[in-house]
Amino acid sequence: MGFDGPNAGTGKHPEFMQRGAQTVRLPNKHSKKSDIGRTLLSNILRNAGITTSEWDQAG
């Protein structure tokens, strides 16, 4: 999908991915929950400019 990363960051959002000038922050992978919810995934995809059909095809 053209993103580089994940890259290490600081603070509440320790990792992020980049595509050109676009930055997408990732949830903390060390949280107590191992899976993220649909709403959070939807927000991440929207921020990344990725449609659900593009996401489904990539998987």
Protein backbone atom coordinates (compact mmCIF):
# COMPACT_ATOMS: atom_id res chain seq x y z
CA MET A 1 0.00 0.00 0.00
CA GLY A 2 3.06 2.17 -0.19
CA PHE A 3 3.70 2.87 3.50
CA ASP A 4 7.12 2.76 5.17
CA GLY A 5 7.39 1.47 8.70
CA PRO A 6 6.36 0.89 11.32
CA ASN A 7 8.72 3.50 12.67
CA ALA A 8 9.48 4.05 16.35
CA GLY A 9 8.04 7.19 17.88
CA THR A 10 7.57 8.63 21.36
CA GLY A 11 4.76 9.31 23.78
CA LYS A 12 1.30 7.75 23.58
CA HIS A 13 1.77 6.69 19.96
CA PRO A 14 5.04 4.79 19.89
CA GLU A 15 4.76 3.63 16.29
CA PHE A 16 3.68 5.20 13.04
CA MET A 17 3.82 4.55 9.31
CA GLN A 18 4.48 7.04 6.54
CA ARG A 19 3.61 7.40 2.87
CA GLY A 20 5.14 10.60 1.56
CA ALA A 21 4.03 13.45 3.82
CA GLN A 22 1.16 11.37 5.25
CA THR A 23 1.65 9.92 8.74
CA VAL A 24 -0.61 7.27 10.27
CA ARG A 25 -0.26 6.56 13.97
CA LEU A 26 -0.61 2.96 15.15
CA PRO A 27 -2.14 1.72 18.41
CA ASN A 28 0.18 0.49 21.14
CA LYS A 29 0.85 -3.18 20.40
CA HIS A 30 1.67 -3.82 24.06
CA SER A 31 -1.78 -2.98 25.36
CA LYS A 32 -3.75 -5.58 27.29
CA LYS A 33 -6.00 -6.16 24.29
CA SER A 34 -4.41 -8.15 21.49
CA ASP A 35 -7.01 -7.13 18.90
CA ILE A 36 -8.30 -3.70 17.94
CA GLY A 37 -11.98 -2.97 17.48
CA ARG A 38 -13.80 -2.26 14.23
CA THR A 39 -14.14 1.43 15.03
CA LEU A 40 -10.41 1.90 15.63
CA LEU A 41 -9.54 -0.07 12.48
CA SER A 42 -12.02 2.02 10.50
CA ASN A 43 -10.44 5.23 11.83
CA ILE A 44 -6.92 4.05 11.00
CA LEU A 45 -7.93 3.08 7.46
CA ARG A 46 -9.75 6.39 6.92
CA ASN A 47 -6.71 8.35 8.16
CA ALA A 48 -4.51 6.31 5.83
CA GLY A 49 -6.79 6.89 2.84
CA ILE A 50 -7.40 3.15 2.43
CA THR A 51 -10.84 1.85 1.46
CA THR A 52 -12.26 -1.29 3.04
CA SER A 53 -12.11 -3.05 -0.34
CA GLU A 54 -8.41 -2.16 -0.68
CA TRP A 55 -7.85 -3.50 2.85
CA ASP A 56 -9.71 -6.73 2.08
CA GLN A 57 -7.72 -7.27 -1.13
CA ALA A 58 -4.39 -6.73 0.67
CA GLY A 59 -5.16 -9.37 3.30
